[in-house]
């Protein structure tokens, strides 16, 4: 009896162990979300501003120097030097989908890019190169100079020497005489004093330069003479700017982002004014620089497989190819051929075909289009 009982207990233990080792069936639904991409454009603009600054003594230029001022009023003159358009992929908020499955997940396993773009189905590990975006900020302090001041010149002396009238009485040869004994003091120069000093300096510099070139100052030829002449040129420019005015040149770089949504519609990238530079996009008084897509072509194969909405499907794009042109108002500046996914079509691929036929699908993550369809090796 004990032997029979032992056999029964042992059988129960073996049966329980076999059941425990059986693979547990998983019926938990799993939902994975993915998105299709669209293409946006980084518009890198290099611009230059020339600031015209009048001299404080412009009114005396013709009389004192016989020269007509080249700048008579303060103004800015902006100009676009170059525009670079760079396409890059971003998630399309209008094309976000989910796929839910239960049981055997292997036939509909998704491969996604770091951005969440669909990269493959049942394709195993894929070599996906993520888009690496880098932001580099370089502070550009605008030149805020609005006037030319003599106080900014290196040779400027703000004070002038004044001799006050002063007499002392002194006995000379037995006679008391009044002798002038000036007291030297210093006072700030007046505007007229500064103008006169600038005129004298200009002519003095020119005179010294002539003497140097004529070898009258016993300065040896070569590097020493070159340095002296260069310094005289700088000094003359500084003093002349007080009468003639000057131009200050400065470069700027800005980056704008825009997305083309419709064919033949102008998408404003930025607005630019010759007098104010970059302005708000809503400022219609400024010149608009826009991107326009034309000659849009969607491949004829876009009439591919369609399914009823009740079936489980995977969405993908048949992207469009178009000419993207940069226009200033109505003037075309440049164009290039580009893939624009959002102007194409969104198609469906049934998941039961993928699992039933044992297919592997690979996609171009940056465009959302099919790259290859292969059969899995079983």
Protein backbone atom coordinates (compact mmCIF):
# COMPACT_ATOMS: atom_id res chain seq x y z
CA UNK A 1 0.00 0.00 0.00
CA UNK A 2 2.81 2.36 0.88
CA UNK A 3 4.48 1.54 -2.44
CA UNK A 4 1.32 2.38 -4.40
CA UNK A 5 0.90 5.67 -2.49
CA UNK A 6 4.52 6.63 -3.20
CA UNK A 7 4.03 5.98 -6.94
CA UNK A 8 0.92 8.19 -7.01
CA UNK A 9 2.65 11.04 -5.19
CA UNK A 10 5.66 10.81 -7.49
CA UNK A 11 3.38 10.90 -10.54
CA UNK A 12 1.64 14.00 -9.27
CA UNK A 13 5.01 15.74 -8.72
CA UNK A 14 6.21 14.88 -12.23
CA UNK A 15 2.96 16.09 -13.79
CA UNK A 16 3.13 19.37 -11.89
CA UNK A 17 6.73 19.92 -12.97
CA UNK A 18 5.85 19.33 -16.64
CA UNK A 19 2.96 21.78 -16.47
CA UNK A 20 5.18 24.40 -14.82
CA UNK A 21 7.78 24.03 -17.57
CA UNK A 22 5.22 24.61 -20.32
CA UNK A 23 5.45 28.05 -21.88
CA UNK A 24 2.86 30.36 -20.47
CA UNK A 25 0.57 31.73 -23.12
CA UNK A 26 0.62 35.56 -23.20
CA UNK A 27 -2.54 37.27 -24.38
CA UNK A 28 -1.79 40.75 -23.05
CA UNK A 29 -2.44 43.36 -25.74
CA UNK A 30 0.56 45.55 -26.50
CA UNK A 31 0.18 48.93 -28.20
CA UNK A 32 3.09 50.67 -29.92
CA UNK A 33 2.81 54.18 -31.32
CA UNK A 34 4.83 55.51 -34.22
CA UNK A 35 4.73 58.52 -36.49
CA UNK A 36 5.48 59.41 -40.06
CA UNK A 37 7.91 62.20 -40.84
CA UNK A 38 7.59 65.47 -42.65
CA UNK A 39 10.36 67.70 -43.96
CA UNK A 40 11.03 71.17 -42.59
CA UNK A 41 13.74 73.59 -43.69
CA UNK A 42 16.43 75.43 -41.79
CA UNK A 43 17.05 78.73 -43.54
CA UNK A 44 20.48 80.13 -42.60
CA UNK A 45 20.80 83.79 -43.53
CA UNK A 46 23.96 85.88 -43.50
CA UNK A 47 23.34 89.61 -43.62
CA UNK A 48 25.47 92.72 -43.41
CA UNK A 49 24.64 96.18 -42.12
CA UNK A 50 26.52 99.36 -43.02
CA UNK A 51 25.88 102.14 -40.52
CA UNK A 52 26.42 105.67 -41.89
CA UNK A 53 27.50 108.01 -39.08
CA UNK A 54 27.86 111.75 -39.80
CA UNK A 55 30.76 113.75 -38.37
CA UNK A 56 30.04 116.38 -35.69
CA UNK A 57 31.84 119.06 -37.74
CA UNK A 58 30.34 118.20 -41.14
CA UNK A 59 29.13 121.79 -41.54
CA UNK A 60 32.77 123.06 -41.49
CA UNK A 61 34.19 120.46 -43.88
CA UNK A 62 33.87 122.49 -47.07
CA UNK A 63 35.06 125.74 -45.54
CA UNK A 64 38.01 124.41 -43.49
CA UNK A 65 39.14 121.46 -45.65
CA UNK A 66 37.60 122.12 -49.05
CA UNK A 67 35.92 118.72 -48.93
CA UNK A 68 32.28 117.72 -49.15
CA UNK A 69 31.09 115.33 -46.39
CA UNK A 70 30.32 111.83 -47.67
CA UNK A 71 27.85 111.19 -44.78
CA UNK A 72 25.39 113.86 -43.74
CA UNK A 73 22.71 111.88 -41.87
CA UNK A 74 22.58 108.83 -39.62
CA UNK A 75 21.17 105.77 -41.36
CA UNK A 76 21.54 101.99 -41.65
CA UNK A 77 21.76 100.04 -44.88
CA UNK A 78 21.09 96.28 -44.60
CA UNK A 79 21.81 93.65 -47.23
CA UNK A 80 21.32 89.88 -47.44
CA UNK A 81 24.65 88.31 -48.42
CA UNK A 82 23.71 84.61 -48.58
CA UNK A 83 20.87 82.17 -47.83
CA UNK A 84 21.34 78.44 -47.20
CA UNK A 85 18.31 76.10 -47.16
CA UNK A 86 18.78 72.76 -45.37
CA UNK A 87 15.98 70.13 -45.25
CA UNK A 88 15.57 67.98 -42.12
CA UNK A 89 12.96 65.51 -40.90
CA UNK A 90 10.59 66.15 -37.98
CA UNK A 91 7.59 64.17 -36.66
CA UNK A 92 4.34 64.97 -38.44
CA UNK A 93 1.77 65.65 -35.72
CA UNK A 94 -0.99 64.85 -38.25
CA UNK A 95 0.40 61.36 -38.95
CA UNK A 96 0.70 59.62 -35.55
CA UNK A 97 -0.57 56.01 -35.43
CA UNK A 98 -0.75 53.06 -33.03
CA UNK A 99 -0.64 49.32 -33.58
CA UNK A 100 -1.99 46.80 -31.05
CA UNK A 101 -1.25 43.07 -31.07
CA UNK A 102 -1.59 40.03 -28.79
CA UNK A 103 -0.10 36.56 -28.68
CA UNK A 104 2.71 36.03 -31.13
CA UNK A 105 4.39 39.44 -31.49
CA UNK A 106 7.30 38.39 -33.69
CA UNK A 107 5.52 38.79 -37.03
CA UNK A 108 4.67 42.43 -36.37
CA UNK A 109 7.67 43.58 -34.39
CA UNK A 110 8.38 47.23 -35.14
CA UNK A 111 11.71 48.94 -35.58
CA UNK A 112 11.63 52.66 -34.81
CA UNK A 113 14.13 55.48 -35.19
CA UNK A 114 15.08 57.62 -32.17
CA UNK A 115 12.49 60.19 -33.29
CA UNK A 116 9.73 57.54 -33.37
CA UNK A 117 9.71 57.19 -37.17
CA UNK A 118 8.74 53.76 -38.54
CA UNK A 119 11.92 52.00 -39.72
CA UNK A 120 10.93 48.35 -40.19
CA UNK A 121 8.46 45.52 -39.46
CA UNK A 122 9.71 42.04 -38.49
CA UNK A 123 13.05 43.15 -39.90
CA UNK A 124 15.15 42.55 -36.80
CA UNK A 125 17.84 44.98 -35.67
CA UNK A 126 18.45 47.74 -38.22
CA UNK A 127 21.42 50.05 -38.58
CA UNK A 128 19.71 53.40 -38.00
CA UNK A 129 21.73 56.58 -37.98
CA UNK A 130 19.92 59.14 -35.84
CA UNK A 131 19.74 62.75 -36.90
CA UNK A 132 22.23 64.67 -34.80
CA UNK A 133 21.21 68.27 -34.29
CA UNK A 134 23.70 70.75 -32.90
CA UNK A 135 23.01 74.23 -31.66
CA UNK A 136 25.86 76.70 -31.50
CA UNK A 137 25.29 80.20 -30.17
CA UNK A 138 27.77 82.97 -30.80
CA UNK A 139 27.02 86.25 -29.14
CA UNK A 140 27.06 89.14 -31.62
CA UNK A 141 27.00 92.48 -29.91
CA UNK A 142 25.58 95.03 -32.34
CA UNK A 143 27.65 98.13 -32.92
CA UNK A 144 25.57 100.83 -31.24
CA UNK A 145 27.73 103.78 -32.25
CA UNK A 146 25.53 106.64 -33.40
CA UNK A 147 28.00 109.52 -33.38
CA UNK A 148 31.67 110.30 -33.81
CA UNK A 149 33.27 111.95 -30.81
CA UNK A 150 36.67 113.52 -30.66
CA UNK A 151 36.97 112.13 -27.15
CA UNK A 152 37.28 108.67 -28.72
CA UNK A 153 40.48 109.60 -30.55
CA UNK A 154 43.71 108.39 -29.03
CA UNK A 155 45.42 111.78 -29.33
CA UNK A 156 42.57 113.74 -27.77
CA UNK A 157 43.32 116.15 -24.92
CA UNK A 158 40.09 117.51 -23.36
CA UNK A 159 41.74 120.57 -21.78
CA UNK A 160 43.31 123.72 -23.15
CA UNK A 161 45.92 125.91 -21.55
CA UNK A 162 44.69 129.37 -20.51
CA UNK A 163 46.99 132.22 -19.44
CA UNK A 164 45.25 134.47 -16.91
CA UNK A 165 46.22 138.16 -16.79
CA UNK A 166 48.35 138.69 -13.71
CA UNK A 167 50.81 141.47 -12.89
CA UNK A 168 53.27 141.84 -10.07
CA UNK A 169 55.11 144.99 -9.01
CA UNK A 170 58.85 144.76 -8.91
CA UNK A 171 61.59 147.35 -8.38
CA UNK A 172 63.98 147.50 -11.29
CA UNK A 173 66.83 150.03 -11.18
CA UNK A 174 65.05 151.89 -8.42
CA UNK A 175 61.82 152.07 -10.37
CA UNK A 176 58.67 150.11 -9.47
CA UNK A 177 57.42 148.41 -12.59
CA UNK A 178 54.47 146.16 -13.30
CA UNK A 179 55.61 142.84 -14.75
CA UNK A 180 53.27 140.39 -16.39
CA UNK A 181 53.43 137.10 -14.51
CA UNK A 182 50.88 134.81 -16.19
CA UNK A 183 49.08 132.12 -14.20
CA UNK A 184 48.62 128.99 -16.25
CA UNK A 185 45.28 127.21 -15.86
CA UNK A 186 43.36 124.62 -17.84
CA UNK A 187 39.78 124.73 -19.04
CA UNK A 188 37.65 122.36 -21.10
CA UNK A 189 37.85 122.97 -24.82
CA UNK A 190 34.82 124.41 -26.57
CA UNK A 191 33.28 122.87 -29.68
CA UNK A 192 34.97 125.52 -31.79
CA UNK A 193 38.31 124.76 -30.11
CA UNK A 194 37.93 121.07 -30.88
CA UNK A 195 37.07 121.74 -34.52
CA UNK A 196 40.06 124.06 -34.94
CA UNK A 197 42.36 121.52 -33.30
CA UNK A 198 41.14 118.77 -35.63
CA UNK A 199 41.81 120.96 -38.69
CA UNK A 200 45.33 121.77 -37.48
CA UNK A 201 46.03 118.08 -36.79
CA UNK A 202 44.92 117.06 -40.28
CA UNK A 203 47.26 119.54 -41.95
CA UNK A 204 50.08 118.73 -39.54
CA UNK A 205 49.79 115.02 -40.30
CA UNK A 206 49.84 115.67 -44.02
CA UNK A 207 52.88 117.90 -43.68
CA UNK A 208 54.74 115.32 -41.60
CA UNK A 209 53.89 112.60 -44.11
CA UNK A 210 55.32 114.67 -46.98
CA UNK A 211 58.52 115.23 -45.02
CA UNK A 212 58.85 111.52 -44.30
CA UNK A 213 58.38 110.57 -47.93
CA UNK A 214 60.91 113.21 -48.95
CA UNK A 215 63.36 111.77 -46.40
CA UNK A 216 63.66 115.10 -44.59
CA UNK A 217 63.14 113.70 -41.07
CA UNK A 218 66.14 111.37 -40.99
CA UNK A 219 63.92 108.32 -40.48
CA UNK A 220 65.48 105.18 -41.94
CA UNK A 221 63.69 103.41 -44.78
CA UNK A 222 62.09 100.04 -44.22
CA UNK A 223 59.90 98.80 -41.40
CA UNK A 224 60.18 101.90 -39.20
CA UNK A 225 59.01 104.17 -42.00
CA UNK A 226 56.18 101.80 -42.84
CA UNK A 227 54.93 101.77 -39.23
CA UNK A 228 55.08 105.56 -38.95
CA UNK A 229 53.23 106.10 -42.23
CA UNK A 230 50.58 103.58 -41.22
CA UNK A 231 50.02 105.39 -37.93
CA UNK A 232 49.76 108.75 -39.71
CA UNK A 233 47.14 107.27 -42.03
CA UNK A 234 45.11 106.05 -39.05
CA UNK A 235 45.32 109.43 -37.32
CA UNK A 236 44.25 111.27 -40.45
CA UNK A 237 41.27 108.94 -40.93
CA UNK A 238 40.21 109.51 -37.34
CA UNK A 239 40.34 113.29 -37.63
CA UNK A 240 38.78 113.36 -41.10
CA UNK A 241 35.84 111.28 -39.82
CA UNK A 242 34.95 114.23 -37.58
CA UNK A 243 34.18 116.20 -40.76
CA UNK A 244 33.45 113.56 -43.42
CA UNK A 245 31.64 110.99 -41.28
CA UNK A 246 32.30 107.26 -41.55
CA UNK A 247 30.76 103.88 -42.32
CA UNK A 248 30.76 101.00 -39.85
CA UNK A 249 30.25 97.51 -41.31
CA UNK A 250 28.96 94.52 -39.30
CA UNK A 251 27.83 90.98 -40.20
CA UNK A 252 24.96 88.98 -38.68
CA UNK A 253 23.74 85.40 -39.05
CA UNK A 254 20.21 84.20 -38.29
CA UNK A 255 18.51 80.79 -38.63
CA UNK A 256 14.80 80.37 -39.40
CA UNK A 257 12.67 77.20 -39.64
CA UNK A 258 9.67 76.78 -41.93
CA UNK A 259 7.58 73.92 -43.29
CA UNK A 260 5.90 73.69 -46.69
CA UNK A 261 2.34 72.38 -46.37
CA UNK A 262 0.86 72.99 -49.83
CA UNK A 263 2.01 73.01 -53.42
CA UNK A 264 2.52 76.44 -55.00
CA UNK A 265 1.86 78.22 -51.69
CA UNK A 266 4.56 80.65 -50.59
CA UNK A 267 5.73 79.87 -47.05
CA UNK A 268 7.41 82.93 -45.56
CA UNK A 269 10.79 82.06 -44.05
CA UNK A 270 11.69 85.59 -42.92
CA UNK A 271 11.12 89.25 -43.73
CA UNK A 272 13.91 91.71 -44.36
CA UNK A 273 14.09 95.46 -44.64
CA UNK A 274 16.94 97.44 -46.21
CA UNK A 275 16.65 100.00 -43.42
CA UNK A 276 15.83 97.81 -40.38
CA UNK A 277 17.25 94.38 -41.22
CA UNK A 278 15.37 91.32 -39.91
CA UNK A 279 11.80 92.15 -38.89
CA UNK A 280 8.75 90.22 -37.71
CA UNK A 281 7.10 87.91 -40.24
CA UNK A 282 3.83 89.80 -39.74
CA UNK A 283 5.42 93.06 -40.88
CA UNK A 284 4.05 93.15 -44.42
CA UNK A 285 5.87 96.41 -45.18
CA UNK A 286 9.17 94.48 -45.31
CA UNK A 287 10.33 92.25 -48.14
CA UNK A 288 9.34 88.56 -47.75
CA UNK A 289 11.74 85.70 -48.47
CA UNK A 290 9.67 82.56 -49.01
CA UNK A 291 9.93 78.87 -49.96
CA UNK A 292 7.62 77.53 -52.65
CA UNK A 293 7.17 73.91 -53.80
CA UNK A 294 6.22 73.43 -57.44
CA UNK A 295 6.35 70.71 -60.08
CA UNK A 296 5.24 68.18 -57.45
CA UNK A 297 5.44 64.57 -58.59
CA UNK A 298 3.97 61.56 -56.71
CA UNK A 299 5.13 58.19 -58.13
CA UNK A 300 2.52 56.33 -60.18
CA UNK A 301 2.95 53.32 -57.87
CA UNK A 302 0.93 55.25 -55.31
CA UNK A 303 -2.12 53.22 -56.32
CA UNK A 304 -0.78 50.27 -54.30
CA UNK A 305 -2.46 48.01 -51.76
CA UNK A 306 -5.46 49.38 -49.88
CA UNK A 307 -7.43 47.69 -47.10
CA UNK A 308 -10.61 48.20 -45.19
CA UNK A 309 -10.27 50.34 -42.09
CA UNK A 310 -11.50 47.41 -39.91
CA UNK A 311 -8.31 45.44 -40.60
CA UNK A 312 -5.07 45.97 -38.74
CA UNK A 313 -2.75 48.00 -40.95
CA UNK A 314 0.58 49.76 -40.98
CA UNK A 315 0.67 53.27 -42.41
CA UNK A 316 3.49 54.47 -44.63
CA UNK A 317 4.13 57.32 -47.03
CA UNK A 318 4.55 57.59 -50.75
CA UNK A 319 6.50 60.87 -50.65
CA UNK A 320 6.38 63.55 -53.29
CA UNK A 321 9.34 65.02 -55.14
CA UNK A 322 9.22 68.72 -55.97
CA UNK A 323 11.23 71.78 -56.89
CA UNK A 324 11.73 73.94 -53.81
CA UNK A 325 12.56 77.49 -54.78
CA UNK A 326 13.61 80.49 -52.74
CA UNK A 327 11.80 83.65 -53.79
CA UNK A 328 12.14 87.29 -52.76
CA UNK A 329 8.65 88.70 -53.15
CA UNK A 330 8.02 87.39 -56.69
CA UNK A 331 11.65 87.12 -57.81
CA UNK A 332 13.11 83.60 -57.89
CA UNK A 333 16.60 83.48 -56.36
CA UNK A 334 17.45 79.76 -56.37
CA UNK A 335 15.85 76.31 -56.53
CA UNK A 336 16.69 72.66 -55.90
CA UNK A 337 14.97 69.27 -56.23
CA UNK A 338 13.84 67.81 -52.91
CA UNK A 339 11.77 64.96 -51.40
CA UNK A 340 8.76 66.34 -49.50
CA UNK A 341 6.91 63.51 -47.69
CA UNK A 342 3.96 65.61 -46.48
CA UNK A 343 2.96 66.50 -50.05
CA UNK A 344 2.74 62.81 -50.99
CA UNK A 345 0.18 60.16 -49.96
CA UNK A 346 -0.32 58.00 -46.88
CA UNK A 347 -0.95 54.32 -47.73
CA UNK A 348 -1.84 51.21 -45.71
CA UNK A 349 -0.22 47.78 -45.54
CA UNK A 350 -2.26 45.00 -43.82
CA UNK A 351 -0.50 43.26 -40.94
CA UNK A 352 -2.18 39.88 -41.68
CA UNK A 353 -0.34 39.83 -45.03
CA UNK A 354 2.93 40.54 -43.23
CA UNK A 355 2.38 37.72 -40.70
CA UNK A 356 0.71 35.31 -43.13
CA UNK A 357 3.36 35.63 -45.83
CA UNK A 358 6.27 35.99 -43.41
CA UNK A 359 7.34 39.36 -44.82
CA UNK A 360 10.04 41.74 -43.66
CA UNK A 361 9.54 45.43 -44.38
CA UNK A 362 12.17 48.15 -44.16
CA UNK A 363 11.39 51.86 -44.41
CA UNK A 364 13.31 55.08 -44.96
CA UNK A 365 12.75 56.64 -41.51
CA UNK A 366 13.36 60.20 -42.73
CA UNK A 367 10.71 59.87 -45.47
CA UNK A 368 8.35 57.17 -44.14
CA UNK A 369 8.48 55.32 -47.48
CA UNK A 370 9.09 51.60 -48.08
CA UNK A 371 12.73 50.70 -48.66
CA UNK A 372 12.39 46.93 -49.18
CA UNK A 373 9.99 43.99 -48.78
CA UNK A 374 11.55 40.57 -48.25
CA UNK A 375 10.45 37.10 -47.18
CA UNK A 376 11.77 35.79 -43.90
CA UNK A 377 13.89 32.67 -44.07
CA UNK A 378 12.17 29.90 -42.10
